[in-house]
Amino acid sequence: MKFPSHPMWLALLLACAAATASAADLVAQGKEVFAANCAACHNNDASGIPGVAPPLANALHERLGSAAGRTYLANVLVHGMAGPIESQGQSFNGVMPAFGTLPDESLAAVLAWLSTQNGQATATVGPDALAQARAQRKTPGAVRKLRDAAN
């Protein structure tokens, strides 16, 4: 297949290549931020630790796919969460600390990496959702209640 040599086509191809590189960079950054801040409880591969912290890999697909779920995930990262939950047939009752001291871009990168660990090709939760969560003051217990609404 031959593409026209018009400058508009070249600009479009370069923009697509840059977007792909940016998405890959975001996922790579997210993996690094996750390893530095989350892996102690959730493992480097996000598989979780039985009785300690739930698995995140292959466990967030439905939440990443709904607006309520994405709001919940943004709030979990910004405000933390406390209370009983079930994930992949396991029960957990602990406290996840808030990571609201990290910039929205870093938290969005973590969610981009987690999206890939849940079969998503692209990031589904952006910095705007995190900024919106940050603008609302929530306790970790209040965030736990959002989980029910996100199901």
N, C-alpha and C. Protein backbone atom coordinates (compact mmCIF):
# COMPACT_ATOMS: atom_id res chain seq x y z
N MET A 1 0.85 -1.17 0.00
CA MET A 1 0.00 0.00 0.00
C MET A 1 0.89 1.23 0.00
N LYS A 2 0.59 2.15 -0.87
CA LYS A 2 1.39 3.36 -0.98
C LYS A 2 0.61 4.52 -0.36
N PHE A 3 1.28 5.27 0.52
CA PHE A 3 0.67 6.43 1.16
C PHE A 3 1.07 7.70 0.40
N PRO A 4 0.17 8.64 0.34
CA PRO A 4 0.51 9.91 -0.31
C PRO A 4 1.67 10.59 0.42
N SER A 5 2.42 11.35 -0.30
CA SER A 5 3.57 12.02 0.30
C SER A 5 3.23 13.41 0.81
N HIS A 6 1.97 13.67 1.00
CA HIS A 6 1.50 14.97 1.48
C HIS A 6 2.00 15.19 2.92
N PRO A 7 2.44 16.41 3.26
CA PRO A 7 2.93 16.70 4.62
C PRO A 7 1.91 16.39 5.71
N MET A 8 0.61 16.47 5.41
CA MET A 8 -0.42 16.19 6.39
C MET A 8 -0.35 14.73 6.84
N TRP A 9 -0.10 13.82 5.90
CA TRP A 9 0.02 12.41 6.23
C TRP A 9 1.23 12.17 7.13
N LEU A 10 2.32 12.81 6.82
CA LEU A 10 3.52 12.66 7.61
C LEU A 10 3.28 13.16 9.04
N ALA A 11 2.62 14.28 9.16
CA ALA A 11 2.31 14.83 10.50
C ALA A 11 1.41 13.87 11.26
N LEU A 12 0.43 13.28 10.59
CA LEU A 12 -0.48 12.33 11.24
C LEU A 12 0.28 11.09 11.70
N LEU A 13 1.14 10.56 10.85
CA LEU A 13 1.92 9.38 11.22
C LEU A 13 2.85 9.68 12.40
N LEU A 14 3.48 10.84 12.40
CA LEU A 14 4.35 11.22 13.51
C LEU A 14 3.56 11.40 14.80
N ALA A 15 2.38 11.96 14.71
CA ALA A 15 1.53 12.15 15.90
C ALA A 15 1.12 10.80 16.47
N CYS A 16 0.77 9.86 15.61
CA CYS A 16 0.40 8.52 16.08
C CYS A 16 1.58 7.83 16.75
N ALA A 17 2.75 7.96 16.18
CA ALA A 17 3.95 7.36 16.76
C ALA A 17 4.26 7.99 18.12
N ALA A 18 4.11 9.30 18.23
CA ALA A 18 4.36 9.99 19.49
C ALA A 18 3.35 9.56 20.55
N ALA A 19 2.09 9.40 20.17
CA ALA A 19 1.07 8.97 21.13
C ALA A 19 1.36 7.57 21.64
N THR A 20 1.80 6.68 20.75
CA THR A 20 2.15 5.33 21.16
C THR A 20 3.34 5.34 22.11
N ALA A 21 4.35 6.14 21.79
CA ALA A 21 5.52 6.24 22.66
C ALA A 21 5.12 6.84 24.01
N SER A 22 4.24 7.84 24.00
CA SER A 22 3.80 8.45 25.25
C SER A 22 3.06 7.45 26.11
N ALA A 23 2.19 6.63 25.52
CA ALA A 23 1.44 5.63 26.27
C ALA A 23 2.40 4.60 26.87
N ALA A 24 3.38 4.18 26.09
CA ALA A 24 4.36 3.21 26.60
C ALA A 24 5.19 3.83 27.72
N ASP A 25 5.56 5.09 27.58
CA ASP A 25 6.31 5.78 28.63
C ASP A 25 5.48 5.90 29.90
N LEU A 26 4.20 6.19 29.76
CA LEU A 26 3.31 6.32 30.91
C LEU A 26 3.20 4.99 31.65
N VAL A 27 3.04 3.91 30.92
CA VAL A 27 2.96 2.58 31.53
C VAL A 27 4.28 2.24 32.24
N ALA A 28 5.40 2.52 31.60
CA ALA A 28 6.71 2.25 32.21
C ALA A 28 6.88 3.07 33.49
N GLN A 29 6.48 4.33 33.46
CA GLN A 29 6.56 5.17 34.65
C GLN A 29 5.66 4.60 35.75
N GLY A 30 4.47 4.16 35.37
CA GLY A 30 3.54 3.59 36.34
C GLY A 30 4.09 2.36 37.00
N LYS A 31 4.77 1.53 36.24
CA LYS A 31 5.38 0.32 36.81
C LYS A 31 6.44 0.70 37.84
N GLU A 32 7.22 1.73 37.55
CA GLU A 32 8.25 2.19 38.49
C GLU A 32 7.63 2.77 39.76
N VAL A 33 6.61 3.60 39.61
CA VAL A 33 5.96 4.21 40.78
C VAL A 33 5.29 3.11 41.62
N PHE A 34 4.67 2.15 40.95
CA PHE A 34 4.05 1.02 41.66
C PHE A 34 5.10 0.25 42.44
N ALA A 35 6.22 -0.05 41.81
CA ALA A 35 7.29 -0.80 42.49
C ALA A 35 7.80 -0.06 43.72
N ALA A 36 7.89 1.25 43.64
CA ALA A 36 8.42 2.05 44.75
C ALA A 36 7.41 2.27 45.87
N ASN A 37 6.11 2.24 45.56
CA ASN A 37 5.11 2.63 46.55
C ASN A 37 4.08 1.57 46.89
N CYS A 38 3.86 0.62 46.03
CA CYS A 38 2.74 -0.30 46.20
C CYS A 38 3.16 -1.77 46.32
N ALA A 39 4.30 -2.11 45.75
CA ALA A 39 4.71 -3.51 45.64
C ALA A 39 4.96 -4.17 46.99
N ALA A 40 5.30 -3.41 48.02
CA ALA A 40 5.54 -4.01 49.33
C ALA A 40 4.30 -4.77 49.82
N CYS A 41 3.13 -4.28 49.47
CA CYS A 41 1.88 -4.95 49.88
C CYS A 41 1.24 -5.74 48.74
N HIS A 42 1.31 -5.25 47.53
CA HIS A 42 0.60 -5.87 46.41
C HIS A 42 1.50 -6.71 45.51
N ASN A 43 2.80 -6.84 45.82
CA ASN A 43 3.79 -7.55 45.00
C ASN A 43 4.10 -6.77 43.72
N ASN A 44 5.29 -7.00 43.19
CA ASN A 44 5.72 -6.29 41.97
C ASN A 44 4.81 -6.53 40.78
N ASP A 45 4.20 -7.71 40.73
CA ASP A 45 3.32 -8.03 39.61
C ASP A 45 1.85 -7.75 39.91
N ALA A 46 1.58 -7.10 41.03
CA ALA A 46 0.22 -6.72 41.46
C ALA A 46 -0.64 -7.94 41.78
N SER A 47 -0.01 -9.07 42.13
CA SER A 47 -0.75 -10.29 42.44
C SER A 47 -1.29 -10.32 43.86
N GLY A 48 -0.89 -9.34 44.69
CA GLY A 48 -1.38 -9.27 46.06
C GLY A 48 -0.69 -10.25 46.98
N ILE A 49 -1.00 -10.13 48.26
CA ILE A 49 -0.47 -11.03 49.28
C ILE A 49 -1.67 -11.53 50.08
N PRO A 50 -1.94 -12.84 50.03
CA PRO A 50 -3.10 -13.37 50.73
C PRO A 50 -3.13 -12.94 52.21
N GLY A 51 -4.30 -12.44 52.61
CA GLY A 51 -4.49 -11.99 53.99
C GLY A 51 -3.93 -10.62 54.29
N VAL A 52 -3.16 -10.05 53.38
CA VAL A 52 -2.53 -8.75 53.61
C VAL A 52 -3.11 -7.68 52.68
N ALA A 53 -2.95 -7.88 51.38
CA ALA A 53 -3.40 -6.91 50.39
C ALA A 53 -3.95 -7.64 49.18
N PRO A 54 -5.06 -7.16 48.64
CA PRO A 54 -5.71 -7.87 47.53
C PRO A 54 -4.91 -7.81 46.23
N PRO A 55 -5.16 -8.79 45.37
CA PRO A 55 -4.57 -8.73 44.05
C PRO A 55 -5.20 -7.59 43.26
N LEU A 56 -4.38 -6.94 42.45
CA LEU A 56 -4.87 -5.88 41.57
C LEU A 56 -4.83 -6.32 40.12
N ALA A 57 -3.86 -7.18 39.79
CA ALA A 57 -3.78 -7.72 38.43
C ALA A 57 -4.96 -8.65 38.22
N ASN A 58 -5.59 -8.53 37.07
CA ASN A 58 -6.75 -9.35 36.70
C ASN A 58 -7.90 -9.25 37.69
N ALA A 59 -7.98 -8.15 38.43
CA ALA A 59 -9.04 -7.97 39.42
C ALA A 59 -9.78 -6.65 39.26
N LEU A 60 -9.30 -5.78 38.39
CA LEU A 60 -9.87 -4.43 38.29
C LEU A 60 -10.57 -4.17 36.96
N HIS A 61 -10.71 -5.16 36.14
CA HIS A 61 -11.23 -4.95 34.78
C HIS A 61 -12.58 -4.26 34.80
N GLU A 62 -13.52 -4.74 35.63
CA GLU A 62 -14.85 -4.13 35.66
C GLU A 62 -14.80 -2.70 36.18
N ARG A 63 -13.99 -2.46 37.20
CA ARG A 63 -13.91 -1.10 37.75
C ARG A 63 -13.28 -0.14 36.75
N LEU A 64 -12.27 -0.60 36.04
CA LEU A 64 -11.64 0.25 35.03
C LEU A 64 -12.60 0.54 33.87
N GLY A 65 -13.60 -0.33 33.69
CA GLY A 65 -14.52 -0.17 32.60
C GLY A 65 -15.76 0.66 32.89
N SER A 66 -15.90 1.14 34.13
CA SER A 66 -17.08 1.95 34.44
C SER A 66 -16.67 3.28 35.05
N ALA A 67 -17.50 4.29 34.84
CA ALA A 67 -17.20 5.62 35.39
C ALA A 67 -17.15 5.57 36.92
N ALA A 68 -18.10 4.86 37.55
CA ALA A 68 -18.11 4.76 39.01
C ALA A 68 -16.86 4.03 39.51
N GLY A 69 -16.44 3.01 38.77
CA GLY A 69 -15.23 2.26 39.15
C GLY A 69 -13.98 3.10 39.04
N ARG A 70 -13.88 3.89 37.98
CA ARG A 70 -12.71 4.76 37.81
C ARG A 70 -12.67 5.83 38.90
N THR A 71 -13.85 6.36 39.28
CA THR A 71 -13.92 7.33 40.37
C THR A 71 -13.45 6.69 41.67
N TYR A 72 -13.90 5.49 41.91
CA TYR A 72 -13.49 4.73 43.10
C TYR A 72 -11.97 4.55 43.13
N LEU A 73 -11.40 4.08 42.03
CA LEU A 73 -9.95 3.83 41.99
C LEU A 73 -9.15 5.11 42.21
N ALA A 74 -9.59 6.21 41.62
CA ALA A 74 -8.91 7.49 41.82
C ALA A 74 -8.95 7.87 43.30
N ASN A 75 -10.10 7.68 43.94
CA ASN A 75 -10.23 8.01 45.35
C ASN A 75 -9.41 7.10 46.24
N VAL A 76 -9.31 5.82 45.89
CA VAL A 76 -8.47 4.90 46.67
C VAL A 76 -7.03 5.39 46.69
N LEU A 77 -6.51 5.76 45.53
CA LEU A 77 -5.12 6.21 45.47
C LEU A 77 -4.91 7.52 46.22
N VAL A 78 -5.83 8.44 46.08
CA VAL A 78 -5.66 9.76 46.69
C VAL A 78 -5.91 9.73 48.19
N HIS A 79 -6.98 9.03 48.63
CA HIS A 79 -7.41 9.11 50.02
C HIS A 79 -7.14 7.85 50.83
N GLY A 80 -6.76 6.75 50.18
CA GLY A 80 -6.61 5.49 50.90
C GLY A 80 -7.95 4.81 51.07
N MET A 81 -7.95 3.65 51.73
CA MET A 81 -9.19 2.93 51.96
C MET A 81 -9.06 2.08 53.20
N ALA A 82 -10.15 1.93 53.94
CA ALA A 82 -10.17 1.09 55.13
C ALA A 82 -11.47 0.32 55.18
N GLY A 83 -11.38 -0.92 55.60
CA GLY A 83 -12.58 -1.73 55.79
C GLY A 83 -12.51 -3.04 55.04
N PRO A 84 -13.49 -3.88 55.30
CA PRO A 84 -13.49 -5.21 54.69
C PRO A 84 -13.85 -5.18 53.21
N ILE A 85 -13.14 -5.99 52.45
CA ILE A 85 -13.45 -6.16 51.03
C ILE A 85 -13.21 -7.62 50.66
N GLU A 86 -13.77 -8.00 49.53
CA GLU A 86 -13.47 -9.30 48.94
C GLU A 86 -12.94 -9.06 47.54
N SER A 87 -11.94 -9.83 47.18
CA SER A 87 -11.36 -9.74 45.84
C SER A 87 -10.91 -11.12 45.41
N GLN A 88 -11.39 -11.55 44.29
CA GLN A 88 -11.05 -12.85 43.72
C GLN A 88 -11.21 -13.98 44.74
N GLY A 89 -12.32 -13.94 45.47
CA GLY A 89 -12.64 -14.99 46.42
C GLY A 89 -11.89 -14.93 47.75
N GLN A 90 -11.11 -13.88 47.95
CA GLN A 90 -10.37 -13.73 49.20
C GLN A 90 -10.93 -12.55 49.98
N SER A 91 -10.90 -12.65 51.30
CA SER A 91 -11.36 -11.57 52.17
C SER A 91 -10.17 -10.81 52.72
N PHE A 92 -10.33 -9.50 52.80
CA PHE A 92 -9.31 -8.61 53.34
C PHE A 92 -10.00 -7.60 54.25
N ASN A 93 -9.32 -7.23 55.33
CA ASN A 93 -9.85 -6.19 56.21
C ASN A 93 -8.66 -5.41 56.73
N GLY A 94 -8.28 -4.40 56.00
CA GLY A 94 -7.09 -3.65 56.37
C GLY A 94 -7.24 -2.18 56.01
N VAL A 95 -6.10 -1.54 55.98
CA VAL A 95 -6.05 -0.12 55.65
C VAL A 95 -5.01 0.07 54.55
N MET A 96 -5.42 0.70 53.48
CA MET A 96 -4.47 1.10 52.46
C MET A 96 -4.18 2.57 52.69
N PRO A 97 -2.91 2.93 52.77
CA PRO A 97 -2.59 4.35 53.00
C PRO A 97 -2.93 5.21 51.80
N ALA A 98 -3.13 6.47 52.05
CA ALA A 98 -3.36 7.45 50.98
C ALA A 98 -2.03 7.75 50.29
N PHE A 99 -2.09 7.94 49.00
CA PHE A 99 -0.92 8.34 48.23
C PHE A 99 -1.13 9.70 47.59
N GLY A 100 -1.94 10.51 48.25
CA GLY A 100 -2.25 11.84 47.75
C GLY A 100 -1.08 12.80 47.73
N THR A 101 0.04 12.41 48.35
CA THR A 101 1.23 13.26 48.28
C THR A 101 1.94 13.12 46.94
N LEU A 102 1.64 12.06 46.21
CA LEU A 102 2.22 11.89 44.88
C LEU A 102 1.44 12.74 43.88
N PRO A 103 2.09 13.24 42.85
CA PRO A 103 1.39 14.06 41.85
C PRO A 103 0.37 13.23 41.06
N ASP A 104 -0.66 13.91 40.58
CA ASP A 104 -1.70 13.24 39.80
C ASP A 104 -1.12 12.47 38.62
N GLU A 105 -0.10 13.02 37.99
CA GLU A 105 0.51 12.36 36.83
C GLU A 105 1.13 11.02 37.22
N SER A 106 1.73 10.94 38.41
CA SER A 106 2.32 9.68 38.88
C SER A 106 1.23 8.67 39.20
N LEU A 107 0.16 9.13 39.84
CA LEU A 107 -0.94 8.22 40.16
C LEU A 107 -1.63 7.75 38.88
N ALA A 108 -1.78 8.63 37.91
CA ALA A 108 -2.36 8.24 36.62
C ALA A 108 -1.48 7.21 35.93
N ALA A 109 -0.17 7.35 36.07
CA ALA A 109 0.75 6.37 35.48
C ALA A 109 0.59 5.01 36.14
N VAL A 110 0.41 4.99 37.46
CA VAL A 110 0.17 3.72 38.16
C VAL A 110 -1.10 3.07 37.61
N LEU A 111 -2.14 3.86 37.48
CA LEU A 111 -3.40 3.31 36.96
C LEU A 111 -3.26 2.87 35.50
N ALA A 112 -2.40 3.53 34.73
CA ALA A 112 -2.14 3.10 33.35
C ALA A 112 -1.47 1.73 33.35
N TRP A 113 -0.48 1.56 34.24
CA TRP A 113 0.20 0.25 34.33
C TRP A 113 -0.78 -0.81 34.81
N LEU A 114 -1.60 -0.49 35.82
CA LEU A 114 -2.58 -1.45 36.30
C LEU A 114 -3.60 -1.79 35.22
N SER A 115 -3.90 -0.83 34.37
CA SER A 115 -4.81 -1.12 33.24
C SER A 115 -4.22 -2.22 32.37
N THR A 116 -2.92 -2.16 32.10
CA THR A 116 -2.29 -3.20 31.28
C THR A 116 -2.29 -4.54 32.00
N GLN A 117 -2.23 -4.52 33.33
CA GLN A 117 -2.26 -5.76 34.11
C GLN A 117 -3.67 -6.34 34.19
N ASN A 118 -4.62 -5.61 33.64
CA ASN A 118 -6.01 -6.04 33.62
C ASN A 118 -6.56 -6.14 32.20
N GLY A 119 -5.66 -6.30 31.24
CA GLY A 119 -6.07 -6.52 29.87
C GLY A 119 -6.51 -5.30 29.09
N GLN A 120 -6.30 -4.12 29.62
CA GLN A 120 -6.66 -2.89 28.92
C GLN A 120 -5.46 -2.43 28.08
N ALA A 121 -5.71 -2.03 26.88
CA ALA A 121 -4.63 -1.59 26.00
C ALA A 121 -4.22 -0.15 26.29
N THR A 122 -5.14 0.63 26.84
CA THR A 122 -4.83 2.03 27.09
C THR A 122 -5.24 2.41 28.51
N ALA A 123 -4.69 3.50 28.98
CA ALA A 123 -5.03 4.01 30.30
C ALA A 123 -6.49 4.46 30.30
N THR A 124 -7.17 4.22 31.41
CA THR A 124 -8.58 4.59 31.48
C THR A 124 -8.86 5.64 32.54
N VAL A 125 -7.91 5.89 33.41
CA VAL A 125 -8.09 6.89 34.46
C VAL A 125 -6.98 7.92 34.30
N GLY A 126 -7.36 9.16 34.01
CA GLY A 126 -6.37 10.20 33.77
C GLY A 126 -6.19 11.13 34.94
N PRO A 127 -5.24 12.04 34.81
CA PRO A 127 -4.98 13.01 35.89
C PRO A 127 -6.19 13.83 36.28
N ASP A 128 -7.11 14.06 35.33
CA ASP A 128 -8.31 14.85 35.66
C ASP A 128 -9.18 14.15 36.69
N ALA A 129 -9.33 12.83 36.60
CA ALA A 129 -10.11 12.09 37.60
C ALA A 129 -9.43 12.13 38.96
N LEU A 130 -8.11 12.10 38.96
CA LEU A 130 -7.37 12.18 40.22
C LEU A 130 -7.48 13.56 40.83
N ALA A 131 -7.43 14.59 40.00
CA ALA A 131 -7.59 15.96 40.50
C ALA A 131 -8.98 16.15 41.09
N GLN A 132 -9.98 15.56 40.46
CA GLN A 132 -11.34 15.65 40.97
C GLN A 132 -11.45 14.93 42.32
N ALA A 133 -10.83 13.76 42.44
CA ALA A 133 -10.83 13.04 43.72
C ALA A 133 -10.11 13.85 44.79
N ARG A 134 -9.02 14.46 44.41
CA ARG A 134 -8.22 15.26 45.35
C ARG A 134 -9.02 16.47 45.87
N ALA A 135 -9.90 17.01 45.04
CA ALA A 135 -10.69 18.18 45.42
C ALA A 135 -11.75 17.84 46.46
N GLN A 136 -12.05 16.56 46.59
CA GLN A 136 -13.05 16.11 47.57
C GLN A 136 -12.31 15.49 48.76
N ARG A 137 -12.63 15.95 49.94
CA ARG A 137 -12.02 15.38 51.15
C ARG A 137 -12.81 14.14 51.55
N LYS A 138 -12.14 12.99 51.56
CA LYS A 138 -12.79 11.76 51.94
C LYS A 138 -11.92 11.00 52.94
N THR A 139 -12.56 10.34 53.87
CA THR A 139 -11.84 9.45 54.78
C THR A 139 -11.66 8.11 54.09
N PRO A 140 -10.70 7.30 54.53
CA PRO A 140 -10.55 5.96 53.95
C PRO A 140 -11.83 5.12 54.08
N GLY A 141 -12.60 5.32 55.16
CA GLY A 141 -13.86 4.61 55.31
C GLY A 141 -14.90 5.05 54.29
N ALA A 142 -14.94 6.33 54.00
CA ALA A 142 -15.87 6.84 52.99
C ALA A 142 -15.51 6.31 51.61
N VAL A 143 -14.23 6.15 51.35
CA VAL A 143 -13.79 5.59 50.07
C VAL A 143 -14.25 4.14 49.97
N ARG A 144 -14.19 3.41 51.08
CA ARG A 144 -14.65 2.01 51.10
C ARG A 144 -16.10 1.94 50.64
N LYS A 145 -16.93 2.90 51.05
CA LYS A 145 -18.35 2.90 50.66
C LYS A 145 -18.51 3.14 49.15
N LEU A 146 -17.56 3.84 48.53
CA LEU A 146 -17.61 4.04 47.08
C LEU A 146 -17.45 2.70 46.34
N ARG A 147 -16.77 1.77 46.97
CA ARG A 147 -16.53 0.46 46.35
C ARG A 147 -17.86 -0.21 46.01
N ASP A 148 -18.81 -0.14 46.94
CA ASP A 148 -20.11 -0.78 46.71
C ASP A 148 -20.82 -0.15 45.51
N ALA A 149 -20.71 1.17 45.39
CA ALA A 149 -21.34 1.87 44.28
C ALA A 149 -20.65 1.55 42.96
N ALA A 150 -19.39 1.14 43.02
CA ALA A 150 -18.62 0.87 41.81
C ALA A 150 -18.82 -0.55 41.30
N ASN A 151 -19.58 -1.36 42.00
CA ASN A 151 -19.83 -2.74 41.56
C ASN A 151 -20.88 -2.80 40.50
